[in-house]
Protein backbone atom coordinates (compact mmCIF):
# COMPACT_ATOMS: atom_id res chain seq x y z
CA UNK A 1 109.43 113.55 91.80
CA UNK A 2 108.11 110.60 89.78
CA UNK A 3 108.99 107.14 91.03
CA UNK A 4 110.92 106.27 87.85
CA UNK A 5 113.05 109.41 88.07
CA UNK A 6 113.63 108.88 91.79
CA UNK A 7 114.80 105.31 91.20
CA UNK A 8 117.13 106.47 88.41
CA UNK A 9 118.64 109.08 90.70
CA UNK A 10 119.06 106.53 93.48
CA UNK A 11 120.87 104.17 91.09
CA UNK A 12 123.32 106.96 90.25
CA UNK A 13 123.73 108.34 93.77
CA UNK A 14 123.96 105.06 95.75
CA UNK A 15 124.54 102.07 93.45
CA UNK A 16 125.19 99.74 96.41
CA UNK A 17 121.78 100.36 97.97
CA UNK A 18 120.13 100.27 94.55
CA UNK A 19 121.71 96.87 93.85
CA UNK A 20 120.24 95.50 97.08
CA UNK A 21 116.84 96.97 96.18
CA UNK A 22 117.04 95.41 92.74
CA UNK A 23 118.01 92.04 94.21
CA UNK A 24 115.08 92.18 96.63
CA UNK A 25 112.68 92.98 93.78
CA UNK A 26 113.91 90.06 91.68
CA UNK A 27 113.70 87.66 94.63
CA UNK A 28 110.16 88.74 95.51
CA UNK A 29 109.08 88.34 91.89
CA UNK A 30 110.68 84.98 91.12
CA UNK A 31 110.56 83.17 94.46
CA UNK A 32 107.59 81.90 96.45
CA UNK A 33 107.49 82.27 100.21
CA UNK A 34 105.56 79.83 102.34
CA UNK A 35 107.03 81.33 105.53
CA UNK A 36 104.26 82.09 108.06
CA UNK A 37 105.74 85.47 108.99
CA UNK A 38 106.37 86.58 105.41
CA UNK A 39 103.61 88.44 103.61
CA UNK A 40 103.28 91.43 101.31
CA UNK A 41 102.24 94.80 102.69
CA UNK A 42 99.03 96.42 101.47
CA UNK A 43 99.64 99.02 98.74
CA UNK A 44 97.69 101.55 100.83
CA UNK A 45 99.91 100.79 103.81
CA UNK A 46 103.05 101.13 101.68
CA UNK A 47 101.82 104.49 100.37
CA UNK A 48 101.19 105.83 103.87
CA UNK A 49 104.55 104.66 105.20
CA UNK A 50 106.30 106.59 102.43
CA UNK A 51 104.03 109.63 102.66
CA UNK A 52 104.61 113.11 104.08
CA UNK A 53 103.53 111.76 107.47
CA UNK A 54 107.00 110.20 107.70
CA UNK A 55 108.46 113.70 107.98
CA UNK A 56 106.10 114.84 110.74
CA UNK A 57 106.85 114.79 114.44
CA UNK A 58 106.12 111.69 116.47
CA UNK A 59 102.61 111.14 117.75
CA UNK A 60 103.58 111.47 121.41
CA UNK A 61 101.83 109.50 124.11
CA UNK A 62 101.69 110.24 127.78
CA UNK A 63 99.26 109.46 130.59
CA UNK A 64 95.80 110.62 129.63
CA UNK A 65 96.78 111.70 126.11
CA UNK A 66 96.59 109.78 122.86
CA UNK A 67 97.08 111.49 119.51
CA UNK A 68 94.39 111.49 116.81
CA UNK A 69 96.02 108.76 114.77
CA UNK A 70 96.58 106.57 117.81
CA UNK A 71 92.96 107.00 118.90
CA UNK A 72 91.78 106.10 115.40
CA UNK A 73 93.92 102.95 115.29
CA UNK A 74 92.80 101.91 118.79
CA UNK A 75 89.16 102.43 117.89
CA UNK A 76 89.41 100.47 114.67
CA UNK A 77 91.25 97.49 116.17
CA UNK A 78 88.87 97.33 119.11
CA UNK A 79 85.94 97.36 116.67
CA UNK A 80 87.53 94.83 114.30
CA UNK A 81 88.07 92.27 117.07
CA UNK A 82 85.16 93.32 119.30
CA UNK A 83 87.65 93.99 122.12
CA UNK A 84 87.16 96.05 125.26
CA UNK A 85 90.54 97.83 125.07
CA UNK A 86 93.20 98.10 122.35
CA UNK A 87 96.84 99.22 122.54
CA UNK A 88 98.72 99.96 119.32
CA UNK A 89 101.80 101.87 120.52
CA UNK A 90 104.37 99.09 120.39
CA UNK A 91 106.84 98.74 117.55
CA UNK A 92 106.78 94.96 117.20
CA UNK A 93 105.12 91.72 118.16
CA UNK A 94 108.03 90.91 120.47
CA UNK A 95 107.74 94.28 122.21
CA UNK A 96 104.02 93.68 122.76
CA UNK A 97 104.84 90.32 124.33
CA UNK A 98 107.32 91.88 126.73
CA UNK A 99 104.75 94.50 127.76
CA UNK A 100 102.21 91.81 128.60
CA UNK A 101 104.71 89.75 130.59
CA UNK A 102 105.84 92.72 132.65
CA UNK A 103 102.30 93.99 133.22
CA UNK A 104 101.02 90.68 134.60
CA UNK A 105 103.97 88.85 136.15
CA UNK A 106 106.59 89.47 138.80
CA UNK A 107 109.84 87.69 139.53
CA UNK A 108 109.51 83.97 140.23
CA UNK A 109 105.88 83.82 139.06
CA UNK A 110 104.87 80.55 137.41
CA UNK A 111 103.79 80.67 133.77
CA UNK A 112 102.11 77.66 132.16
CA UNK A 113 102.84 78.02 128.45
CA UNK A 114 101.97 76.06 125.31
CA UNK A 115 105.31 74.87 123.90
CA UNK A 116 107.01 77.35 126.26
CA UNK A 117 105.91 80.19 123.99
CA UNK A 118 107.04 83.69 125.01
CA UNK A 119 109.99 82.45 127.01
CA UNK A 120 112.10 83.60 124.07
CA UNK A 121 111.08 87.20 124.84
CA UNK A 122 112.36 87.06 128.41
CA UNK A 123 115.61 88.89 129.04
CA UNK A 124 117.38 90.21 132.12
CA UNK A 125 115.48 89.99 135.38
CA UNK A 126 112.40 88.42 133.84
CA UNK A 127 114.41 85.29 133.20
CA UNK A 128 113.44 84.44 136.79
CA UNK A 129 109.92 83.58 135.61
CA UNK A 130 109.18 79.90 136.15
CA UNK A 131 108.03 78.60 132.76
CA UNK A 132 106.24 75.23 132.69
CA UNK A 133 105.34 73.60 129.38
CA UNK A 134 102.12 72.06 128.21
CA UNK A 135 101.89 70.67 124.69
CA UNK A 136 100.13 68.31 122.29
CA UNK A 137 99.82 64.68 123.19
CA UNK A 138 102.09 62.62 120.88
CA UNK A 139 99.42 59.96 120.30
CA UNK A 140 96.57 62.32 119.32
CA UNK A 141 98.26 65.62 118.36
CA UNK A 142 95.66 67.35 120.53
CA UNK A 143 95.68 69.15 123.87
CA UNK A 144 94.44 66.97 126.73
CA UNK A 145 92.30 69.53 128.56
CA UNK A 146 91.71 67.30 131.57
CA UNK A 147 95.45 66.82 131.98
CA UNK A 148 96.00 70.57 131.51
CA UNK A 149 93.38 71.43 134.14
CA UNK A 150 94.98 69.06 136.63
CA UNK A 151 98.43 70.54 135.94
CA UNK A 152 97.15 74.11 136.29
CA UNK A 153 95.55 73.33 139.66
CA UNK A 154 98.81 71.74 140.82
CA UNK A 155 101.20 74.55 139.90
CA UNK A 156 98.78 77.51 140.28
CA UNK A 157 100.27 79.65 137.50
CA UNK A 158 99.98 83.42 137.49
CA UNK A 159 99.61 83.27 133.72
CA UNK A 160 98.52 80.69 131.13
CA UNK A 161 99.76 81.31 127.58
CA UNK A 162 98.38 79.72 124.44
CA UNK A 163 99.95 80.53 121.07
CA UNK A 164 99.18 78.22 118.11
CA UNK A 165 102.38 78.99 116.20
CA UNK A 166 102.87 75.34 115.24
CA UNK A 167 99.26 74.16 115.44
CA UNK A 168 96.93 74.16 112.41
CA UNK A 169 93.82 73.32 114.46
CA UNK A 170 91.19 75.44 116.16
CA UNK A 171 90.61 74.89 119.86
CA UNK A 172 87.75 75.66 122.25
CA UNK A 173 88.93 78.84 123.94
CA UNK A 174 86.08 78.54 126.43
CA UNK A 175 87.68 75.40 127.88
CA UNK A 176 91.01 77.18 128.21
CA UNK A 177 89.35 80.14 129.94
CA UNK A 178 87.56 77.85 132.40
CA UNK A 179 90.87 76.17 133.31
CA UNK A 180 92.53 79.54 133.86
CA UNK A 181 89.67 80.80 136.00
CA UNK A 182 89.64 77.69 138.20
CA UNK A 183 93.42 77.96 138.71
CA UNK A 184 93.24 81.70 139.43
CA UNK A 185 95.37 82.52 136.38
CA UNK A 186 95.26 85.23 133.74
CA UNK A 187 94.73 83.84 130.23
CA UNK A 188 96.82 85.26 127.39
CA UNK A 189 96.25 84.06 123.82
CA UNK A 190 98.70 85.14 121.13
CA UNK A 191 96.99 84.42 117.81
CA UNK A 192 100.09 85.24 115.77
CA UNK A 193 99.60 84.81 112.04
CA UNK A 194 95.97 83.76 112.58
CA UNK A 195 95.04 87.37 113.42
CA UNK A 196 93.62 88.11 109.99
CA UNK A 197 91.58 84.90 109.95
CA UNK A 198 90.17 85.81 113.37
CA UNK A 199 89.35 89.33 112.16
CA UNK A 200 87.53 87.92 109.14
CA UNK A 201 85.67 85.42 111.35
CA UNK A 202 87.09 82.50 109.37
CA UNK A 203 88.46 80.89 112.55
CA UNK A 204 87.15 81.23 116.13
CA UNK A 205 88.14 84.29 118.14
CA UNK A 206 89.75 84.06 121.58
CA UNK A 207 88.82 87.68 122.39
CA UNK A 208 85.56 86.89 124.27
CA UNK A 209 87.40 84.39 126.50
CA UNK A 210 90.98 85.58 127.01
CA UNK A 211 92.10 88.37 129.34
CA UNK A 212 94.77 89.39 126.81
CA UNK A 213 95.14 88.77 123.07
CA UNK A 214 98.20 89.80 121.04
CA UNK A 215 99.34 89.68 117.42
CA UNK A 216 101.34 91.60 114.81
CA UNK A 217 99.88 94.01 112.27
CA UNK A 218 102.04 92.52 109.54
CA UNK A 219 101.74 88.87 108.46
CA UNK A 220 98.06 88.20 107.74
CA UNK A 221 96.92 91.81 108.20
CA UNK A 222 99.19 93.21 105.45
CA UNK A 223 100.39 96.07 107.64
CA UNK A 224 103.66 97.53 108.92
CA UNK A 225 105.75 95.82 111.58
CA UNK A 226 104.04 96.63 114.87
CA UNK A 227 102.24 94.86 117.67
CA UNK A 228 98.69 94.96 118.97
CA UNK A 229 97.52 94.25 122.51
CA UNK A 230 93.84 93.66 123.18
CA UNK A 231 92.70 93.24 126.77
CA UNK A 232 89.73 93.27 129.10
CA UNK A 233 88.90 96.54 130.85
CA UNK A 234 90.15 95.31 134.21
CA UNK A 235 93.69 95.12 132.79
CA UNK A 236 93.56 98.28 130.66
CA UNK A 237 95.08 100.72 133.17
CA UNK A 238 97.91 98.32 134.08
CA UNK A 239 98.69 97.62 130.41
CA UNK A 240 98.69 101.31 129.50
CA UNK A 241 101.05 102.08 132.38
CA UNK A 242 103.43 99.27 131.39
CA UNK A 243 103.52 100.56 127.81
CA UNK A 244 104.90 103.85 129.12
CA UNK A 245 107.13 102.20 131.75
CA UNK A 246 108.81 100.17 129.00
CA UNK A 247 109.65 103.26 126.96
CA UNK A 248 106.92 103.30 124.32
CA UNK A 249 106.35 107.05 124.34
CA UNK A 250 105.89 107.72 120.66
CA UNK A 251 105.42 106.27 117.21
CA UNK A 252 105.88 107.93 113.84
CA UNK A 253 102.66 109.22 112.34
CA UNK A 254 103.19 107.41 109.05
CA UNK A 255 103.34 104.07 110.89
CA UNK A 256 100.23 104.81 112.93
CA UNK A 257 98.35 105.85 109.79
CA UNK A 258 99.35 102.66 107.98
CA UNK A 259 98.44 100.73 111.09
CA UNK A 260 94.96 102.28 111.34
CA UNK A 261 94.37 101.79 107.63
CA UNK A 262 94.94 98.00 107.63
CA UNK A 263 92.34 97.62 110.38
CA UNK A 264 89.80 99.30 108.11
CA UNK A 265 90.96 97.22 105.15
CA UNK A 266 90.37 94.04 107.20
CA UNK A 267 86.70 95.03 107.56
CA UNK A 268 86.05 94.82 103.81
CA UNK A 269 84.38 92.04 101.85
CA UNK A 270 87.55 91.66 99.79
CA UNK A 271 89.62 90.93 102.88
CA UNK A 272 87.08 88.39 104.10
CA UNK A 273 87.28 86.71 100.69
CA UNK A 274 91.08 86.69 101.03
CA UNK A 275 90.91 85.05 104.47
CA UNK A 276 88.59 82.32 103.20
CA UNK A 277 90.92 81.67 100.27
CA UNK A 278 93.87 81.39 102.68
CA UNK A 279 92.21 78.42 104.37
CA UNK A 280 91.13 76.88 101.06
CA UNK A 281 94.69 77.19 99.73
CA UNK A 282 96.15 75.62 102.88
CA UNK A 283 93.89 72.61 102.41
CA UNK A 284 94.94 72.38 98.75
CA UNK A 285 98.63 72.59 99.72
CA UNK A 286 98.10 69.78 102.21
CA UNK A 287 96.34 67.66 99.58
CA UNK A 288 99.25 68.11 97.18
CA UNK A 289 101.70 66.92 99.83
CA UNK A 290 99.58 63.84 100.45
CA UNK A 291 99.43 63.10 96.71
CA UNK A 292 103.24 63.15 96.65
CA UNK A 293 103.44 60.69 99.53
CA UNK A 294 104.39 63.13 102.31
CA UNK A 295 102.75 62.84 105.72
CA UNK A 296 101.30 65.94 107.36
CA UNK A 297 100.80 66.27 111.11
CA UNK A 298 97.71 67.62 112.92
CA UNK A 299 95.69 67.11 109.73
CA UNK A 300 93.44 68.30 108.28
CA UNK A 301 94.45 71.92 108.62
CA UNK A 302 91.86 74.44 109.83
CA UNK A 303 93.84 77.64 109.29
CA UNK A 304 96.77 78.87 107.17
CA UNK A 305 99.30 76.31 108.44
CA UNK A 306 100.38 72.97 107.03
CA UNK A 307 102.90 70.82 108.89
CA UNK A 308 104.85 68.58 106.51
CA UNK A 309 106.71 65.81 108.33
CA UNK A 310 110.40 65.62 107.48
CA UNK A 311 111.76 62.07 107.11
CA UNK A 312 114.05 61.03 109.95
CA UNK A 313 116.85 60.39 107.46
CA UNK A 314 116.95 64.06 106.40
CA UNK A 315 118.45 67.10 108.11
CA UNK A 316 115.83 69.85 108.51
CA UNK A 317 118.24 72.78 108.14
CA UNK A 318 119.82 71.33 104.99
CA UNK A 319 116.38 70.67 103.51
CA UNK A 320 115.31 74.24 104.17
CA UNK A 321 118.42 75.49 102.38
CA UNK A 322 117.83 73.22 99.40
CA UNK A 323 114.29 74.53 99.03
CA UNK A 324 115.66 78.09 98.99
CA UNK A 325 117.85 77.06 96.04
CA UNK A 326 114.63 75.95 94.32
CA UNK A 327 113.02 79.35 94.84
CA UNK A 328 110.87 78.24 97.79
CA UNK A 329 111.19 79.84 101.22
CA UNK A 330 110.09 77.45 103.96
CA UNK A 331 110.54 77.17 107.73
CA UNK A 332 112.00 74.02 109.30
CA UNK A 333 111.17 73.46 112.97
CA UNK A 334 110.37 70.80 115.56
CA UNK A 335 106.81 70.04 116.65
CA UNK A 336 106.96 69.62 120.42
CA UNK A 337 104.80 67.20 122.38
CA UNK A 338 104.11 66.62 126.06
CA UNK A 339 106.73 63.85 125.99
CA UNK A 340 110.19 65.44 126.12
CA UNK A 341 111.58 62.46 124.18
CA UNK A 342 109.08 62.74 121.31
CA UNK A 343 109.41 65.64 118.89
CA UNK A 344 108.77 65.72 115.16
CA UNK A 345 110.88 67.61 112.58
CA UNK A 346 108.52 69.53 110.31
CA UNK A 347 108.28 72.11 107.57
CA UNK A 348 105.93 74.81 108.89
CA UNK A 349 104.24 75.96 105.69
CA UNK A 350 101.76 78.82 105.31
CA UNK A 351 99.35 79.80 102.55
CA UNK A 352 99.26 83.50 103.54
CA UNK A 353 101.75 85.01 101.09
CA UNK A 354 100.88 82.66 98.24
CA UNK A 355 97.23 83.71 98.54
CA UNK A 356 98.20 87.39 98.62
CA UNK A 357 99.90 86.78 95.27
CA UNK A 358 96.69 85.14 93.96
CA UNK A 359 97.77 81.53 93.59
CA UNK A 360 94.69 79.38 93.09
CA UNK A 361 93.83 76.20 95.01
CA UNK A 362 94.80 74.16 91.95
CA UNK A 363 98.19 75.84 91.85
CA UNK A 364 98.65 75.40 95.59
CA UNK A 365 97.98 71.69 95.22
CA UNK A 366 100.67 71.62 92.53
CA UNK A 367 103.07 73.44 94.87
CA UNK A 368 102.34 70.86 97.57
CA UNK A 369 103.02 68.05 95.15
CA UNK A 370 106.27 69.73 94.05
CA UNK A 371 107.43 70.06 97.67
CA UNK A 372 106.59 66.43 98.37
CA UNK A 373 108.28 65.20 95.22
CA UNK A 374 111.43 67.11 96.14
CA UNK A 375 111.46 65.69 99.68
CA UNK A 376 111.29 62.19 98.21
CA UNK A 377 113.83 62.91 95.48
CA UNK A 378 117.64 62.60 95.59
CA UNK A 379 117.64 66.42 96.04
CA UNK A 380 120.44 66.65 93.51
CA UNK A 381 120.99 69.41 90.96
CA UNK A 382 118.43 67.94 88.56
CA UNK A 383 115.82 67.85 91.34
CA UNK A 384 116.57 71.47 92.24
CA UNK A 385 116.39 72.53 88.59
CA UNK A 386 113.01 70.80 88.09
CA UNK A 387 111.33 72.37 91.13
CA UNK A 388 112.89 75.78 90.52
CA UNK A 389 111.56 75.80 86.96
CA UNK A 390 108.07 74.89 88.18
CA UNK A 391 107.99 77.60 90.87
CA UNK A 392 109.33 80.29 88.57
CA UNK A 393 106.78 79.41 85.89
CA UNK A 394 103.98 79.79 88.42
CA UNK A 395 104.97 83.04 90.11
CA UNK A 396 107.13 85.27 87.90
CA UNK A 397 104.09 86.90 86.26
CA UNK A 398 102.10 87.21 89.48
CA UNK A 399 101.80 90.48 91.41
CA UNK A 400 103.36 90.85 94.84
CA UNK A 401 99.94 91.96 96.09
CA UNK A 402 96.97 90.93 93.94
CA UNK A 403 94.34 93.55 93.14
CA UNK A 404 91.67 90.96 93.93
CA UNK A 405 92.13 91.75 97.64
CA UNK A 406 91.97 95.55 97.34
CA UNK A 407 88.67 97.24 98.30
CA UNK A 408 86.27 97.92 95.43
CA UNK A 409 86.13 101.71 95.30
CA UNK A 410 83.95 102.25 92.25
CA UNK A 411 81.24 103.77 94.41
CA UNK A 412 83.56 106.44 95.84
CA UNK A 413 83.05 109.99 94.59
CA UNK A 414 86.02 110.11 92.26
CA UNK A 415 85.69 113.85 91.64
CA UNK A 416 86.30 114.77 95.27
CA UNK A 417 89.20 112.32 95.47
CA UNK A 418 90.82 113.85 92.37
CA UNK A 419 90.48 117.35 93.81
CA UNK A 420 92.14 116.31 97.06
CA UNK A 421 95.00 114.57 95.23
CA UNK A 422 95.56 117.58 92.96
CA UNK A 423 95.71 119.83 96.02
CA UNK A 424 98.37 117.59 97.59
CA UNK A 425 100.43 117.64 94.40
CA UNK A 426 100.12 121.43 94.19
CA UNK A 427 101.52 121.82 97.70
CA UNK A 428 104.08 119.04 97.09
CA UNK A 429 102.79 117.03 100.07
């Protein structure tokens, strides 16, 4: 059934759901998201998730057996990140985090964690883990590695976690690995939304240094919601066992296919060009904020993140809501430091989704200026109207996923592809 006819039938059969679908479409088309976790899904991935594979049985997993799609996804992610072992059978980033925690740690183990990352995934008995924070120094906005090494040797953690969720800088993973080794700790790096930049070799990779690396397939990788665990061979058997022990026995074939596909897509020249543009656009966004008189922290950015400092006189939650009224989705948070009394309210801005929609560096600089001007404005109805008009003008004609980032397939044998597609249509696959 053609998409247009299917949508028409849905509108008649379930007008409530159709109204929500329509609202979502309008919002995606007219609003701009600078949320780090918000990015469009690859058209290929979308196609596979809605394909006939969705009606097939689960790709079951048990000890010693991985289905064809799971093996393909594991192989591709291991190759993409040059990892020794890859696990793809977890339904979310949070689930992957819980698997890692339970595979490595036992009750009362000490965990030395950057900004206490991953504590939010601890529930039930694992709340007995002893989390100790390390963070940026408030005077330099950098990690003091000497101080960290001393702390690690004092507390002897079972696990050291580094996750640069709120940090737009690259660090020397080798230094972190040396500290973990000296303290007798396992090193886990969660690259989060930097996964695509790591895959494209735009930012340094922690994979050669860390015992475990995790990330989501969505966000930068344009895939479905699911988690990836990469680990060294010495942890592979324990990780695989914990995946099963935590109930991850199966995953739908359509999800695994979409999952495997985005790994291949990330190996293309087009994706590498996208990743480079993400960093270029982040720098342009930061420049626009500076031009509008807004301070950014941990500058200059080296990845997709820009941290705009919120004036002390403004409420972060209210500011976030006002930006939403302007058609801009942003994330308000606090930047933690090693001093419990010194934290900075920030807007955590990302160039990922804006780049997917093909905004140029010049336009990103204009967006940065618009954000800064709004922060410094009375934030009244006129201010909202001005920024909303600017954002809508810039994005309402843009695609949700720009064709610029799709693989160039002109060299593919189109005749064979057409025959295969016709065969699928004939059998109504």
